[in-house]
Amino acid sequence: MTSTSPRRVDPDRKARIVDAALDVIAEHGVAGTTHRVVAAAADVPLGSMTYHFENLDELLRLAFERHAVQAAARFEAAMATVPEGGDPVEAIVGLVCDESGNYRRDLLVALELYVLAARKPAFRTVTQRWMAASRAALRRHVDAEVAPDVDALLEGLVLHAALSTGSDGRPLDRPLDPERVRRAVRRQVG
């Protein structure tokens, strides 16, 4: 009689792998994201990757969808703090200049998504849904014609912040000046 080890019950494995993929993307970029690296980061056997995901693109899509949903939820929550008819500028400034622990990580993941979406049109659906969610949250407080402009302004500010460096060439500790963001947003929303 042979004894087999009991099957490990791990109902959250797939979600853990997707979360690990986001960490790997932030650290190594899409180019450095492989099944092997993600499996190690998630502390799962390599076989789990092909069991749970058809291919690497599926894993990347799910990871970027999770990132976009989380970012859109943060944006929605910030806009929900503004009373109806209220001024959304301070909520927007607070969100864009947020320096929470994941700020730099989230910037890097977003940049990787933008590049991948530019190269692989199938990933544009993720960015399109994300933009639609942001614009819907903005439309509750700004004119519908202005919402896409504000959204584009915020994306541009964040992109510039991610790429800005100090005189030593290293990323800035505080890349976005709240007053600069406030002035830029105020010009758009009036």
N, C-alpha and C. Protein backbone atom coordinates (compact mmCIF):
# COMPACT_ATOMS: atom_id res chain seq x y z
N MET A 1 0.85 -1.17 0.00
CA MET A 1 0.00 0.00 0.00
C MET A 1 0.90 1.24 0.00
N THR A 2 0.66 2.09 -0.94
CA THR A 2 1.45 3.31 -1.00
C THR A 2 0.68 4.43 -0.34
N SER A 3 1.42 5.29 0.28
CA SER A 3 0.76 6.41 0.91
C SER A 3 1.01 7.65 0.08
N THR A 4 0.00 8.39 -0.11
CA THR A 4 0.13 9.65 -0.85
C THR A 4 -0.12 10.79 0.13
N SER A 5 0.57 11.85 -0.11
CA SER A 5 0.35 12.99 0.78
C SER A 5 -1.00 13.61 0.46
N PRO A 6 -1.65 14.13 1.47
CA PRO A 6 -2.98 14.72 1.21
C PRO A 6 -2.85 15.95 0.31
N ARG A 7 -3.85 16.13 -0.48
CA ARG A 7 -3.86 17.27 -1.40
C ARG A 7 -3.95 18.56 -0.58
N ARG A 8 -3.09 19.48 -0.91
CA ARG A 8 -3.08 20.76 -0.21
C ARG A 8 -4.29 21.57 -0.64
N VAL A 9 -5.05 22.03 0.32
CA VAL A 9 -6.21 22.86 0.03
C VAL A 9 -5.74 24.32 0.02
N ASP A 10 -5.91 24.96 -1.08
CA ASP A 10 -5.43 26.33 -1.24
C ASP A 10 -6.40 27.10 -2.12
N PRO A 11 -7.59 27.43 -1.57
CA PRO A 11 -8.62 28.05 -2.39
C PRO A 11 -8.25 29.45 -2.90
N ASP A 12 -7.29 30.10 -2.28
CA ASP A 12 -6.92 31.45 -2.69
C ASP A 12 -5.68 31.48 -3.59
N ARG A 13 -5.26 30.31 -4.05
CA ARG A 13 -4.02 30.23 -4.81
C ARG A 13 -4.04 31.11 -6.06
N LYS A 14 -5.09 31.03 -6.84
CA LYS A 14 -5.13 31.79 -8.09
C LYS A 14 -5.05 33.29 -7.80
N ALA A 15 -5.79 33.77 -6.81
CA ALA A 15 -5.74 35.19 -6.45
C ALA A 15 -4.35 35.57 -5.95
N ARG A 16 -3.72 34.69 -5.19
CA ARG A 16 -2.37 34.96 -4.69
C ARG A 16 -1.38 35.06 -5.84
N ILE A 17 -1.55 34.23 -6.84
CA ILE A 17 -0.67 34.27 -8.01
C ILE A 17 -0.85 35.59 -8.76
N VAL A 18 -2.09 36.03 -8.92
CA VAL A 18 -2.35 37.30 -9.60
C VAL A 18 -1.73 38.46 -8.82
N ASP A 19 -1.87 38.45 -7.49
CA ASP A 19 -1.25 39.49 -6.67
C ASP A 19 0.27 39.46 -6.81
N ALA A 20 0.83 38.27 -6.80
CA ALA A 20 2.28 38.14 -6.95
C ALA A 20 2.73 38.64 -8.32
N ALA A 21 1.90 38.40 -9.34
CA ALA A 21 2.24 38.89 -10.68
C ALA A 21 2.35 40.41 -10.69
N LEU A 22 1.47 41.09 -9.97
CA LEU A 22 1.55 42.55 -9.90
C LEU A 22 2.86 42.99 -9.24
N ASP A 23 3.26 42.29 -8.19
CA ASP A 23 4.53 42.62 -7.54
C ASP A 23 5.70 42.39 -8.48
N VAL A 24 5.65 41.30 -9.22
CA VAL A 24 6.72 40.98 -10.17
C VAL A 24 6.76 42.02 -11.28
N ILE A 25 5.60 42.40 -11.79
CA ILE A 25 5.54 43.42 -12.84
C ILE A 25 6.16 44.73 -12.33
N ALA A 26 5.82 45.11 -11.11
CA ALA A 26 6.37 46.35 -10.55
C ALA A 26 7.88 46.27 -10.40
N GLU A 27 8.38 45.10 -10.03
CA GLU A 27 9.82 44.96 -9.78
C GLU A 27 10.63 44.71 -11.06
N HIS A 28 10.10 43.87 -11.95
CA HIS A 28 10.87 43.43 -13.11
C HIS A 28 10.31 43.90 -14.46
N GLY A 29 9.14 44.51 -14.45
CA GLY A 29 8.49 44.89 -15.71
C GLY A 29 7.85 43.68 -16.37
N VAL A 30 7.06 43.95 -17.38
CA VAL A 30 6.41 42.86 -18.12
C VAL A 30 7.47 41.97 -18.75
N ALA A 31 8.53 42.56 -19.25
CA ALA A 31 9.58 41.77 -19.92
C ALA A 31 10.22 40.76 -18.97
N GLY A 32 10.28 41.07 -17.69
CA GLY A 32 10.88 40.16 -16.71
C GLY A 32 9.88 39.29 -15.99
N THR A 33 8.62 39.34 -16.41
CA THR A 33 7.58 38.54 -15.78
C THR A 33 7.43 37.22 -16.51
N THR A 34 7.78 36.15 -15.82
CA THR A 34 7.67 34.81 -16.38
C THR A 34 6.87 33.95 -15.42
N HIS A 35 6.41 32.81 -15.91
CA HIS A 35 5.71 31.87 -15.03
C HIS A 35 6.59 31.50 -13.85
N ARG A 36 7.84 31.23 -14.12
CA ARG A 36 8.77 30.79 -13.07
C ARG A 36 8.95 31.86 -12.00
N VAL A 37 9.14 33.11 -12.40
CA VAL A 37 9.37 34.19 -11.45
C VAL A 37 8.10 34.44 -10.62
N VAL A 38 6.95 34.42 -11.26
CA VAL A 38 5.69 34.64 -10.54
C VAL A 38 5.42 33.49 -9.59
N ALA A 39 5.65 32.25 -10.02
CA ALA A 39 5.44 31.10 -9.14
C ALA A 39 6.30 31.21 -7.90
N ALA A 40 7.55 31.61 -8.07
CA ALA A 40 8.43 31.77 -6.91
C ALA A 40 7.92 32.88 -6.00
N ALA A 41 7.48 33.98 -6.57
CA ALA A 41 6.98 35.10 -5.77
C ALA A 41 5.70 34.73 -5.03
N ALA A 42 4.88 33.88 -5.63
CA ALA A 42 3.62 33.46 -5.01
C ALA A 42 3.81 32.25 -4.09
N ASP A 43 5.01 31.67 -4.12
CA ASP A 43 5.33 30.48 -3.33
C ASP A 43 4.38 29.32 -3.68
N VAL A 44 4.28 29.08 -5.00
CA VAL A 44 3.47 27.97 -5.49
C VAL A 44 4.32 27.15 -6.46
N PRO A 45 3.96 25.90 -6.66
CA PRO A 45 4.69 25.10 -7.64
C PRO A 45 4.51 25.68 -9.05
N LEU A 46 5.51 25.52 -9.87
CA LEU A 46 5.46 26.04 -11.23
C LEU A 46 4.26 25.49 -11.99
N GLY A 47 3.87 24.25 -11.74
CA GLY A 47 2.72 23.66 -12.41
C GLY A 47 1.41 24.39 -12.14
N SER A 48 1.35 25.12 -11.03
CA SER A 48 0.14 25.90 -10.73
C SER A 48 -0.12 26.97 -11.77
N MET A 49 0.94 27.42 -12.39
CA MET A 49 0.78 28.49 -13.37
C MET A 49 -0.03 28.01 -14.58
N THR A 50 0.34 26.86 -15.11
CA THR A 50 -0.38 26.35 -16.29
C THR A 50 -1.72 25.74 -15.90
N TYR A 51 -1.87 25.36 -14.65
CA TYR A 51 -3.16 24.84 -14.19
C TYR A 51 -4.19 25.97 -14.13
N HIS A 52 -3.77 27.12 -13.62
CA HIS A 52 -4.72 28.22 -13.39
C HIS A 52 -4.82 29.20 -14.57
N PHE A 53 -3.82 29.23 -15.44
CA PHE A 53 -3.80 30.23 -16.51
C PHE A 53 -3.44 29.57 -17.83
N GLU A 54 -4.19 29.93 -18.85
CA GLU A 54 -3.96 29.35 -20.17
C GLU A 54 -2.57 29.69 -20.69
N ASN A 55 -2.14 30.93 -20.43
CA ASN A 55 -0.82 31.38 -20.88
C ASN A 55 -0.43 32.62 -20.08
N LEU A 56 0.73 33.15 -20.35
CA LEU A 56 1.21 34.31 -19.61
C LEU A 56 0.35 35.54 -19.89
N ASP A 57 -0.14 35.69 -21.10
CA ASP A 57 -1.00 36.84 -21.40
C ASP A 57 -2.27 36.84 -20.55
N GLU A 58 -2.83 35.65 -20.29
CA GLU A 58 -4.02 35.60 -19.44
C GLU A 58 -3.67 36.06 -18.03
N LEU A 59 -2.55 35.61 -17.50
CA LEU A 59 -2.13 36.05 -16.18
C LEU A 59 -1.90 37.56 -16.15
N LEU A 60 -1.22 38.10 -17.15
CA LEU A 60 -0.98 39.54 -17.22
C LEU A 60 -2.30 40.31 -17.30
N ARG A 61 -3.21 39.82 -18.12
CA ARG A 61 -4.51 40.49 -18.26
C ARG A 61 -5.24 40.52 -16.92
N LEU A 62 -5.28 39.40 -16.23
CA LEU A 62 -5.95 39.35 -14.94
C LEU A 62 -5.27 40.24 -13.91
N ALA A 63 -3.96 40.28 -13.94
CA ALA A 63 -3.22 41.14 -13.00
C ALA A 63 -3.51 42.61 -13.29
N PHE A 64 -3.44 42.99 -14.55
CA PHE A 64 -3.70 44.38 -14.90
C PHE A 64 -5.17 44.76 -14.65
N GLU A 65 -6.08 43.82 -14.88
CA GLU A 65 -7.49 44.10 -14.57
C GLU A 65 -7.65 44.35 -13.07
N ARG A 66 -7.00 43.56 -12.25
CA ARG A 66 -7.08 43.76 -10.80
C ARG A 66 -6.52 45.14 -10.44
N HIS A 67 -5.37 45.48 -11.00
CA HIS A 67 -4.77 46.78 -10.73
C HIS A 67 -5.73 47.91 -11.13
N ALA A 68 -6.30 47.82 -12.33
CA ALA A 68 -7.19 48.86 -12.83
C ALA A 68 -8.44 48.98 -11.97
N VAL A 69 -9.01 47.87 -11.56
CA VAL A 69 -10.21 47.89 -10.71
C VAL A 69 -9.88 48.53 -9.36
N GLN A 70 -8.74 48.19 -8.79
CA GLN A 70 -8.34 48.78 -7.51
C GLN A 70 -8.10 50.28 -7.64
N ALA A 71 -7.42 50.69 -8.72
CA ALA A 71 -7.16 52.11 -8.94
C ALA A 71 -8.46 52.87 -9.18
N ALA A 72 -9.36 52.30 -9.96
CA ALA A 72 -10.65 52.94 -10.22
C ALA A 72 -11.47 53.05 -8.93
N ALA A 73 -11.38 52.05 -8.07
CA ALA A 73 -12.11 52.08 -6.79
C ALA A 73 -11.56 53.19 -5.89
N ARG A 74 -10.24 53.35 -5.88
CA ARG A 74 -9.65 54.45 -5.09
C ARG A 74 -10.12 55.80 -5.63
N PHE A 75 -10.16 55.93 -6.95
CA PHE A 75 -10.61 57.18 -7.57
C PHE A 75 -12.07 57.42 -7.24
N GLU A 76 -12.88 56.39 -7.38
CA GLU A 76 -14.32 56.49 -7.07
C GLU A 76 -14.52 56.90 -5.61
N ALA A 77 -13.77 56.30 -4.70
CA ALA A 77 -13.90 56.62 -3.28
C ALA A 77 -13.52 58.07 -3.02
N ALA A 78 -12.48 58.55 -3.68
CA ALA A 78 -12.07 59.95 -3.51
C ALA A 78 -13.16 60.89 -4.02
N MET A 79 -13.73 60.57 -5.16
CA MET A 79 -14.79 61.42 -5.72
C MET A 79 -16.06 61.35 -4.88
N ALA A 80 -16.29 60.23 -4.23
CA ALA A 80 -17.48 60.07 -3.38
C ALA A 80 -17.42 60.95 -2.13
N THR A 81 -16.22 61.41 -1.77
CA THR A 81 -16.10 62.30 -0.60
C THR A 81 -16.56 63.72 -0.92
N VAL A 82 -16.73 64.03 -2.20
CA VAL A 82 -17.13 65.37 -2.61
C VAL A 82 -18.66 65.42 -2.62
N PRO A 83 -19.25 66.34 -1.86
CA PRO A 83 -20.71 66.44 -1.87
C PRO A 83 -21.24 66.85 -3.24
N GLU A 84 -22.46 66.49 -3.52
CA GLU A 84 -23.07 66.85 -4.80
C GLU A 84 -23.01 68.36 -4.98
N GLY A 85 -22.50 68.79 -6.13
CA GLY A 85 -22.34 70.21 -6.41
C GLY A 85 -21.10 70.80 -5.77
N GLY A 86 -20.33 69.97 -5.06
CA GLY A 86 -19.11 70.45 -4.39
C GLY A 86 -17.93 70.53 -5.34
N ASP A 87 -16.87 71.12 -4.85
CA ASP A 87 -15.65 71.32 -5.63
C ASP A 87 -14.77 70.07 -5.52
N PRO A 88 -14.49 69.39 -6.63
CA PRO A 88 -13.73 68.14 -6.58
C PRO A 88 -12.21 68.33 -6.55
N VAL A 89 -11.73 69.56 -6.65
CA VAL A 89 -10.30 69.79 -6.84
C VAL A 89 -9.47 69.19 -5.70
N GLU A 90 -9.83 69.43 -4.46
CA GLU A 90 -9.01 68.93 -3.34
C GLU A 90 -9.01 67.40 -3.29
N ALA A 91 -10.14 66.78 -3.62
CA ALA A 91 -10.19 65.31 -3.64
C ALA A 91 -9.26 64.78 -4.73
N ILE A 92 -9.25 65.43 -5.87
CA ILE A 92 -8.39 65.01 -6.97
C ILE A 92 -6.92 65.20 -6.60
N VAL A 93 -6.60 66.36 -6.02
CA VAL A 93 -5.22 66.64 -5.62
C VAL A 93 -4.76 65.60 -4.60
N GLY A 94 -5.61 65.31 -3.63
CA GLY A 94 -5.25 64.32 -2.61
C GLY A 94 -4.98 62.96 -3.21
N LEU A 95 -5.79 62.57 -4.16
CA LEU A 95 -5.63 61.27 -4.80
C LEU A 95 -4.37 61.22 -5.65
N VAL A 96 -4.17 62.23 -6.47
CA VAL A 96 -3.03 62.23 -7.38
C VAL A 96 -1.71 62.35 -6.63
N CYS A 97 -1.71 63.08 -5.54
CA CYS A 97 -0.47 63.30 -4.78
C CYS A 97 -0.32 62.31 -3.63
N ASP A 98 -1.18 61.33 -3.57
CA ASP A 98 -1.12 60.32 -2.51
C ASP A 98 0.27 59.70 -2.48
N GLU A 99 0.86 59.70 -1.32
CA GLU A 99 2.19 59.14 -1.18
C GLU A 99 2.16 57.91 -0.28
N SER A 100 1.10 57.14 -0.39
CA SER A 100 0.99 55.92 0.40
C SER A 100 2.08 54.94 -0.02
N GLY A 101 2.20 53.88 0.73
CA GLY A 101 3.26 52.91 0.49
C GLY A 101 3.28 52.32 -0.90
N ASN A 102 2.17 52.24 -1.57
CA ASN A 102 2.11 51.61 -2.89
C ASN A 102 2.20 52.61 -4.04
N TYR A 103 2.41 53.88 -3.73
CA TYR A 103 2.38 54.91 -4.78
C TYR A 103 3.34 54.58 -5.92
N ARG A 104 4.61 54.39 -5.61
CA ARG A 104 5.61 54.13 -6.65
C ARG A 104 5.31 52.81 -7.36
N ARG A 105 4.93 51.79 -6.61
CA ARG A 105 4.60 50.48 -7.20
C ARG A 105 3.45 50.64 -8.19
N ASP A 106 2.40 51.35 -7.78
CA ASP A 106 1.24 51.52 -8.65
C ASP A 106 1.60 52.30 -9.91
N LEU A 107 2.47 53.29 -9.78
CA LEU A 107 2.92 54.03 -10.96
C LEU A 107 3.62 53.10 -11.94
N LEU A 108 4.51 52.28 -11.42
CA LEU A 108 5.25 51.37 -12.29
C LEU A 108 4.32 50.36 -12.97
N VAL A 109 3.37 49.82 -12.24
CA VAL A 109 2.42 48.87 -12.82
C VAL A 109 1.60 49.56 -13.91
N ALA A 110 1.13 50.77 -13.64
CA ALA A 110 0.34 51.50 -14.64
C ALA A 110 1.17 51.75 -15.90
N LEU A 111 2.41 52.15 -15.73
CA LEU A 111 3.26 52.39 -16.89
C LEU A 111 3.46 51.12 -17.71
N GLU A 112 3.65 50.02 -17.04
CA GLU A 112 3.80 48.74 -17.75
C GLU A 112 2.53 48.40 -18.52
N LEU A 113 1.37 48.67 -17.91
CA LEU A 113 0.10 48.42 -18.59
C LEU A 113 -0.01 49.30 -19.84
N TYR A 114 0.32 50.57 -19.72
CA TYR A 114 0.21 51.47 -20.87
C TYR A 114 1.08 50.99 -22.03
N VAL A 115 2.31 50.61 -21.71
CA VAL A 115 3.22 50.15 -22.76
C VAL A 115 2.68 48.86 -23.40
N LEU A 116 2.23 47.94 -22.57
CA LEU A 116 1.70 46.68 -23.10
C LEU A 116 0.46 46.93 -23.95
N ALA A 117 -0.41 47.81 -23.50
CA ALA A 117 -1.62 48.13 -24.27
C ALA A 117 -1.27 48.79 -25.60
N ALA A 118 -0.20 49.57 -25.62
CA ALA A 118 0.22 50.20 -26.87
C ALA A 118 0.76 49.16 -27.85
N ARG A 119 1.37 48.11 -27.31
CA ARG A 119 1.96 47.08 -28.17
C ARG A 119 0.99 45.94 -28.50
N LYS A 120 0.10 45.65 -27.58
CA LYS A 120 -0.85 44.55 -27.78
C LYS A 120 -2.27 45.09 -27.59
N PRO A 121 -2.95 45.35 -28.68
CA PRO A 121 -4.29 45.93 -28.60
C PRO A 121 -5.27 45.17 -27.69
N ALA A 122 -5.09 43.89 -27.49
CA ALA A 122 -6.00 43.13 -26.63
C ALA A 122 -6.01 43.69 -25.21
N PHE A 123 -4.93 44.33 -24.79
CA PHE A 123 -4.85 44.88 -23.44
C PHE A 123 -5.49 46.26 -23.34
N ARG A 124 -5.88 46.82 -24.47
CA ARG A 124 -6.52 48.14 -24.44
C ARG A 124 -7.89 48.10 -23.79
N THR A 125 -8.53 46.95 -23.80
CA THR A 125 -9.82 46.87 -23.13
C THR A 125 -9.67 47.16 -21.64
N VAL A 126 -8.55 46.77 -21.06
CA VAL A 126 -8.31 47.04 -19.64
C VAL A 126 -8.18 48.54 -19.42
N THR A 127 -7.38 49.20 -20.26
CA THR A 127 -7.19 50.65 -20.09
C THR A 127 -8.48 51.40 -20.41
N GLN A 128 -9.25 50.93 -21.39
CA GLN A 128 -10.49 51.61 -21.75
C GLN A 128 -11.51 51.53 -20.61
N ARG A 129 -11.63 50.36 -19.97
CA ARG A 129 -12.55 50.24 -18.83
C ARG A 129 -12.10 51.11 -17.67
N TRP A 130 -10.79 51.17 -17.45
CA TRP A 130 -10.25 51.99 -16.37
C TRP A 130 -10.56 53.47 -16.63
N MET A 131 -10.30 53.93 -17.86
CA MET A 131 -10.59 55.33 -18.19
C MET A 131 -12.09 55.63 -18.08
N ALA A 132 -12.91 54.70 -18.51
CA ALA A 132 -14.36 54.91 -18.43
C ALA A 132 -14.80 55.05 -16.98
N ALA A 133 -14.24 54.25 -16.09
CA ALA A 133 -14.59 54.34 -14.67
C ALA A 133 -14.15 55.67 -14.08
N SER A 134 -12.94 56.10 -14.40
CA SER A 134 -12.43 57.39 -13.90
C SER A 134 -13.29 58.54 -14.41
N ARG A 135 -13.61 58.50 -15.67
CA ARG A 135 -14.41 59.58 -16.25
C ARG A 135 -15.82 59.61 -15.69
N ALA A 136 -16.38 58.44 -15.42
CA ALA A 136 -17.72 58.40 -14.82
C ALA A 136 -17.69 59.03 -13.43
N ALA A 137 -16.66 58.74 -12.66
CA ALA A 137 -16.54 59.34 -11.32
C ALA A 137 -16.36 60.85 -11.43
N LEU A 138 -15.60 61.31 -12.41
CA LEU A 138 -15.39 62.74 -12.60
C LEU A 138 -16.67 63.44 -13.06
N ARG A 139 -17.46 62.78 -13.91
CA ARG A 139 -18.67 63.41 -14.47
C ARG A 139 -19.70 63.78 -13.41
N ARG A 140 -19.60 63.20 -12.24
CA ARG A 140 -20.53 63.58 -11.17
C ARG A 140 -20.22 64.99 -10.66
N HIS A 141 -19.01 65.49 -10.97
CA HIS A 141 -18.59 66.78 -10.41
C HIS A 141 -18.11 67.79 -11.45
N VAL A 142 -17.85 67.33 -12.66
CA VAL A 142 -17.43 68.26 -13.72
C VAL A 142 -18.26 67.98 -14.97
N ASP A 143 -18.29 68.95 -15.85
CA ASP A 143 -19.02 68.82 -17.10
C ASP A 143 -18.54 67.58 -17.87
N ALA A 144 -19.47 66.90 -18.53
CA ALA A 144 -19.15 65.67 -19.27
C ALA A 144 -18.07 65.90 -20.33
N GLU A 145 -18.04 67.08 -20.93
CA GLU A 145 -17.03 67.37 -21.94
C GLU A 145 -15.65 67.62 -21.31
N VAL A 146 -15.63 68.02 -20.05
CA VAL A 146 -14.37 68.33 -19.36
C VAL A 146 -13.76 67.07 -18.74
N ALA A 147 -14.58 66.11 -18.38
CA ALA A 147 -14.10 64.91 -17.68
C ALA A 147 -12.96 64.20 -18.42
N PRO A 148 -13.04 63.97 -19.74
CA PRO A 148 -11.91 63.33 -20.42
C PRO A 148 -10.64 64.17 -20.37
N ASP A 149 -10.80 65.50 -20.41
CA ASP A 149 -9.63 66.38 -20.35
C ASP A 149 -8.96 66.30 -18.97
N VAL A 150 -9.76 66.29 -17.92
CA VAL A 150 -9.22 66.18 -16.56
C VAL A 150 -8.54 64.83 -16.39
N ASP A 151 -9.19 63.79 -16.89
CA ASP A 151 -8.61 62.45 -16.80
C ASP A 151 -7.26 62.39 -17.52
N ALA A 152 -7.18 62.97 -18.71
CA ALA A 152 -5.92 62.99 -19.47
C ALA A 152 -4.87 63.83 -18.74
N LEU A 153 -5.28 64.94 -18.16
CA LEU A 153 -4.36 65.77 -17.39
C LEU A 153 -3.76 64.97 -16.24
N LEU A 154 -4.61 64.26 -15.52
CA LEU A 154 -4.13 63.48 -14.37
C LEU A 154 -3.18 62.38 -14.82
N GLU A 155 -3.51 61.71 -15.92
CA GLU A 155 -2.61 60.68 -16.44
C GLU A 155 -1.25 61.28 -16.81
N GLY A 156 -1.29 62.45 -17.45
CA GLY A 156 -0.04 63.12 -17.83
C GLY A 156 0.77 63.54 -16.61
N LEU A 157 0.12 64.08 -15.60
CA LEU A 157 0.83 64.48 -14.38
C LEU A 157 1.48 63.27 -13.71
N VAL A 158 0.74 62.18 -13.65
CA VAL A 158 1.26 60.97 -13.02
C VAL A 158 2.43 60.42 -13.84
N LEU A 159 2.30 60.43 -15.15
CA LEU A 159 3.39 59.97 -16.02
C LEU A 159 4.64 60.82 -15.82
N HIS A 160 4.47 62.12 -15.78
CA HIS A 160 5.61 63.00 -15.55
C HIS A 160 6.23 62.74 -14.18
N ALA A 161 5.39 62.51 -13.18
CA ALA A 161 5.91 62.22 -11.84
C ALA A 161 6.72 60.93 -11.83
N ALA A 162 6.24 59.94 -12.54
CA ALA A 162 6.93 58.64 -12.56
C ALA A 162 8.28 58.76 -13.24
N LEU A 163 8.41 59.68 -14.16
CA LEU A 163 9.65 59.80 -14.94
C LEU A 163 10.58 60.91 -14.46
N SER A 164 10.12 61.71 -13.51
CA SER A 164 10.92 62.83 -13.02
C SER A 164 12.06 62.35 -12.13
N THR A 165 13.18 63.02 -12.28
CA THR A 165 14.34 62.70 -11.45
C THR A 165 14.93 63.98 -10.87
N GLY A 166 15.70 63.79 -9.83
CA GLY A 166 16.42 64.91 -9.24
C GLY A 166 17.71 65.14 -10.00
N SER A 167 18.51 66.07 -9.52
CA SER A 167 19.77 66.38 -10.19
C SER A 167 20.73 65.20 -10.18
N ASP A 168 20.50 64.25 -9.26
CA ASP A 168 21.35 63.05 -9.20
C ASP A 168 20.87 61.94 -10.12
N GLY A 169 19.76 62.19 -10.84
CA GLY A 169 19.24 61.20 -11.76
C GLY A 169 18.34 60.15 -11.12
N ARG A 170 18.16 60.22 -9.81
CA ARG A 170 17.31 59.25 -9.11
C ARG A 170 15.88 59.76 -9.04
N PRO A 171 14.90 58.85 -8.96
CA PRO A 171 13.50 59.28 -8.84
C PRO A 171 13.31 60.20 -7.64
N LEU A 172 12.43 61.16 -7.79
CA LEU A 172 12.16 62.10 -6.71
C LEU A 172 11.37 61.43 -5.59
N ASP A 173 11.66 61.80 -4.36
CA ASP A 173 10.90 61.27 -3.22
C ASP A 173 9.46 61.78 -3.24
N ARG A 174 9.28 63.00 -3.65
CA ARG A 174 7.96 63.61 -3.69
C ARG A 174 7.77 64.20 -5.09
N PRO A 175 7.40 63.35 -6.04
CA PRO A 175 7.41 63.78 -7.44
C PRO A 175 6.34 64.79 -7.83
N LEU A 176 5.20 64.81 -7.13
CA LEU A 176 4.14 65.73 -7.52
C LEU A 176 3.94 66.80 -6.46
N ASP A 177 4.03 68.03 -6.88
CA ASP A 177 3.78 69.16 -6.01
C ASP A 177 2.27 69.40 -5.95
N PRO A 178 1.66 69.29 -4.77
CA PRO A 178 0.20 69.46 -4.68
C PRO A 178 -0.28 70.80 -5.22
N GLU A 179 0.48 71.85 -5.02
CA GLU A 179 0.05 73.17 -5.52
C GLU A 179 0.04 73.20 -7.05
N ARG A 180 1.02 72.59 -7.66
CA ARG A 180 1.05 72.51 -9.13
C ARG A 180 -0.14 71.73 -9.65
N VAL A 181 -0.44 70.60 -9.01
CA VAL A 181 -1.59 69.79 -9.41
C VAL A 181 -2.88 70.59 -9.22
N ARG A 182 -2.99 71.27 -8.09
CA ARG A 182 -4.17 72.07 -7.79
C ARG A 182 -4.40 73.13 -8.88
N ARG A 183 -3.35 73.85 -9.26
CA ARG A 183 -3.49 74.89 -10.30
C ARG A 183 -3.92 74.28 -11.63
N ALA A 184 -3.29 73.16 -11.99
CA ALA A 184 -3.60 72.52 -13.28
C ALA A 184 -5.04 72.03 -13.31
N VAL A 185 -5.48 71.39 -12.24
CA VAL A 185 -6.84 70.86 -12.20
C VAL A 185 -7.83 72.02 -12.17
N ARG A 186 -7.53 73.06 -11.40
CA ARG A 186 -8.42 74.22 -11.31
C ARG A 186 -8.60 74.86 -12.69
N ARG A 187 -7.55 74.92 -13.50
CA ARG A 187 -7.68 75.50 -14.85
C ARG A 187 -8.65 74.68 -15.69
N GLN A 188 -8.68 73.38 -15.47
CA GLN A 188 -9.57 72.51 -16.26
C GLN A 188 -11.01 72.58 -15.78
N VAL A 189 -11.21 72.53 -14.47
CA VAL A 189 -12.59 72.46 -13.96
C VAL A 189 -13.20 73.82 -13.68
N GLY A 190 -12.39 74.87 -13.73
CA GLY A 190 -12.90 76.23 -13.57
C GLY A 190 -13.05 76.70 -12.16
